[in-house]
Amino acid sequence: MSDMELTWIKLPHRIYAKNDDGKVICEITFPETGSGVCTIDHTFVDDDARGMGLASRLVESAVNEIEDRGEKAEATCQYASKWMKEHGKK
């Protein structure tokens, strides 16, 4: 499975993708936790989909979605917090 085969499903506070069998293989959630603030609290990549850069793509997409809405992105998820620091988003 390559990244090109994934169909990203974007909801207001969740981005995810499923495999051909309908199983969620990766997801990120970022609920609104304050006025104009969304907190990335969960990043998941299925064992079978690891090593494809999906977690990084998820965090980047979530941060972009949040910022495009004029809101601030924060993270309690350890991976997302590290990614944001490395990319100057925190």
C-alpha atoms as a PDB file:
ATOM      1  CA  MET A   1       0.000   0.000   0.000  1.00  0.00           C
ATOM      2  CA  SER A   2       1.422   3.384  -0.932  1.00  0.00           C
ATOM      3  CA  ASP A   3       0.418   6.841   0.232  1.00  0.00           C
ATOM      4  CA  MET A   4      -0.944   7.490  -3.257  1.00  0.00           C
ATOM      5  CA  GLU A   5      -3.558   4.769  -2.733  1.00  0.00           C
ATOM      6  CA  LEU A   6      -4.979   6.378   0.413  1.00  0.00           C
ATOM      7  CA  THR A   7      -8.131   8.413   0.448  1.00  0.00           C
ATOM      8  CA  TRP A   8      -7.929  10.959   3.236  1.00  0.00           C
ATOM      9  CA  ILE A   9     -11.179  11.572   5.092  1.00  0.00           C
ATOM     10  CA  LYS A  10     -11.222  15.036   6.623  1.00  0.00           C
ATOM     11  CA  LEU A  11     -13.699  16.001   9.316  1.00  0.00           C
ATOM     12  CA  PRO A  12     -13.656  19.222  11.377  1.00  0.00           C
ATOM     13  CA  HIS A  13     -11.606  17.626  14.189  1.00  0.00           C
ATOM     14  CA  ARG A  14     -10.345  14.354  12.715  1.00  0.00           C
ATOM     15  CA  ILE A  15      -8.375  13.203   9.669  1.00  0.00           C
ATOM     16  CA  TYR A  16      -8.057   9.518   8.850  1.00  0.00           C
ATOM     17  CA  ALA A  17      -7.658   6.918   6.116  1.00  0.00           C
ATOM     18  CA  LYS A  18      -8.947   3.376   5.701  1.00  0.00           C
ATOM     19  CA  ASN A  19      -7.519   0.412   3.833  1.00  0.00           C
ATOM     20  CA  ASP A  20      -9.424  -1.464   1.129  1.00  0.00           C
ATOM     21  CA  ASP A  21     -11.116  -3.591   3.798  1.00  0.00           C
ATOM     22  CA  GLY A  22     -12.511  -0.507   5.540  1.00  0.00           C
ATOM     23  CA  LYS A  23     -10.138  -0.699   8.520  1.00  0.00           C
ATOM     24  CA  VAL A  24      -8.835   2.633   9.835  1.00  0.00           C
ATOM     25  CA  ILE A  25      -5.084   2.505   9.264  1.00  0.00           C
ATOM     26  CA  CYS A  26      -4.177   5.984  10.477  1.00  0.00           C
ATOM     27  CA  GLU A  27      -5.866   8.892  12.183  1.00  0.00           C
ATOM     28  CA  ILE A  28      -5.348  12.106  14.069  1.00  0.00           C
ATOM     29  CA  THR A  29      -7.811  13.911  16.301  1.00  0.00           C
ATOM     30  CA  PHE A  30      -7.726  17.570  17.306  1.00  0.00           C
ATOM     31  CA  PRO A  31     -10.761  18.689  19.301  1.00  0.00           C
ATOM     32  CA  GLU A  32     -11.443  22.307  20.106  1.00  0.00           C
ATOM     33  CA  THR A  33     -10.180  22.762  23.656  1.00  0.00           C
ATOM     34  CA  GLY A  34     -10.682  26.484  24.041  1.00  0.00           C
ATOM     35  CA  SER A  35     -11.809  29.517  22.138  1.00  0.00           C
ATOM     36  CA  GLY A  36      -9.863  29.387  18.872  1.00  0.00           C
ATOM     37  CA  VAL A  37      -7.635  26.532  20.072  1.00  0.00           C
ATOM     38  CA  CYS A  38      -7.534  22.938  18.832  1.00  0.00           C
ATOM     39  CA  THR A  39      -5.361  20.399  20.618  1.00  0.00           C
ATOM     40  CA  ILE A  40      -3.921  17.422  18.775  1.00  0.00           C
ATOM     41  CA  ASP A  41      -4.509  14.700  21.324  1.00  0.00           C
ATOM     42  CA  HIS A  42      -4.152  11.465  19.360  1.00  0.00           C
ATOM     43  CA  THR A  43      -2.095  10.228  16.420  1.00  0.00           C
ATOM     44  CA  PHE A  44      -2.377   6.599  15.324  1.00  0.00           C
ATOM     45  CA  VAL A  45      -0.774   4.556  12.549  1.00  0.00           C
ATOM     46  CA  ASP A  46      -1.526   0.846  12.229  1.00  0.00           C
ATOM     47  CA  ASP A  47       1.484  -1.455  12.488  1.00  0.00           C
ATOM     48  CA  ASP A  48       1.023  -2.546   8.855  1.00  0.00           C
ATOM     49  CA  ALA A  49       1.242   1.076   7.653  1.00  0.00           C
ATOM     50  CA  ARG A  50       4.264   2.227   9.643  1.00  0.00           C
ATOM     51  CA  GLY A  51       7.368   3.538   7.950  1.00  0.00           C
ATOM     52  CA  MET A  52       5.438   5.377   5.233  1.00  0.00           C
ATOM     53  CA  GLY A  53       5.566   8.828   6.833  1.00  0.00           C
ATOM     54  CA  LEU A  54       1.840   8.799   7.589  1.00  0.00           C
ATOM     55  CA  ALA A  55       2.124  10.209  11.115  1.00  0.00           C
ATOM     56  CA  SER A  56       4.063  13.205   9.835  1.00  0.00           C
ATOM     57  CA  ARG A  57       1.551  13.737   7.025  1.00  0.00           C
ATOM     58  CA  LEU A  58      -1.315  13.571   9.528  1.00  0.00           C
ATOM     59  CA  VAL A  59       0.199  16.150  11.875  1.00  0.00           C
ATOM     60  CA  GLU A  60       1.066  18.469   8.993  1.00  0.00           C
ATOM     61  CA  SER A  61      -2.467  18.180   7.612  1.00  0.00           C
ATOM     62  CA  ALA A  62      -4.064  18.767  11.010  1.00  0.00           C
ATOM     63  CA  VAL A  63      -1.901  21.820  11.752  1.00  0.00           C
ATOM     64  CA  ASN A  64      -2.683  23.229   8.300  1.00  0.00           C
ATOM     65  CA  GLU A  65      -6.429  22.637   8.772  1.00  0.00           C
ATOM     66  CA  ILE A  66      -6.382  24.308  12.177  1.00  0.00           C
ATOM     67  CA  GLU A  67      -4.340  27.298  11.004  1.00  0.00           C
ATOM     68  CA  ASP A  68      -6.425  27.687   7.825  1.00  0.00           C
ATOM     69  CA  ARG A  69      -9.454  28.174  10.098  1.00  0.00           C
ATOM     70  CA  GLY A  70      -7.590  30.929  11.925  1.00  0.00           C
ATOM     71  CA  GLU A  71      -7.231  28.832  15.047  1.00  0.00           C
ATOM     72  CA  LYS A  72      -4.176  27.940  17.113  1.00  0.00           C
ATOM     73  CA  ALA A  73      -2.775  24.397  17.099  1.00  0.00           C
ATOM     74  CA  GLU A  74      -1.514  22.824  20.310  1.00  0.00           C
ATOM     75  CA  ALA A  75      -0.603  19.235  21.121  1.00  0.00           C
ATOM     76  CA  THR A  76      -0.804  16.864  24.045  1.00  0.00           C
ATOM     77  CA  CYS A  77       0.096  13.918  21.805  1.00  0.00           C
ATOM     78  CA  GLN A  78       3.824  13.292  22.254  1.00  0.00           C
ATOM     79  CA  TYR A  79       4.493  12.657  18.541  1.00  0.00           C
ATOM     80  CA  ALA A  80       2.571  15.747  17.416  1.00  0.00           C
ATOM     81  CA  SER A  81       4.238  17.918  20.039  1.00  0.00           C
ATOM     82  CA  LYS A  82       7.689  16.810  18.876  1.00  0.00           C
ATOM     83  CA  TRP A  83       6.738  17.330  15.204  1.00  0.00           C
ATOM     84  CA  MET A  84       5.430  20.836  15.912  1.00  0.00           C
ATOM     85  CA  LYS A  85       8.639  21.816  17.737  1.00  0.00           C
ATOM     86  CA  GLU A  86      10.798  20.437  14.907  1.00  0.00           C
ATOM     87  CA  HIS A  87       8.770  22.358  12.310  1.00  0.00           C
ATOM     88  CA  GLY A  88       8.604  25.668  14.174  1.00  0.00           C
ATOM     89  CA  LYS A  89       4.896  25.389  14.914  1.00  0.00           C
ATOM     90  CA  LYS A  90       5.240  25.622  18.691  1.00  0.00           C
END
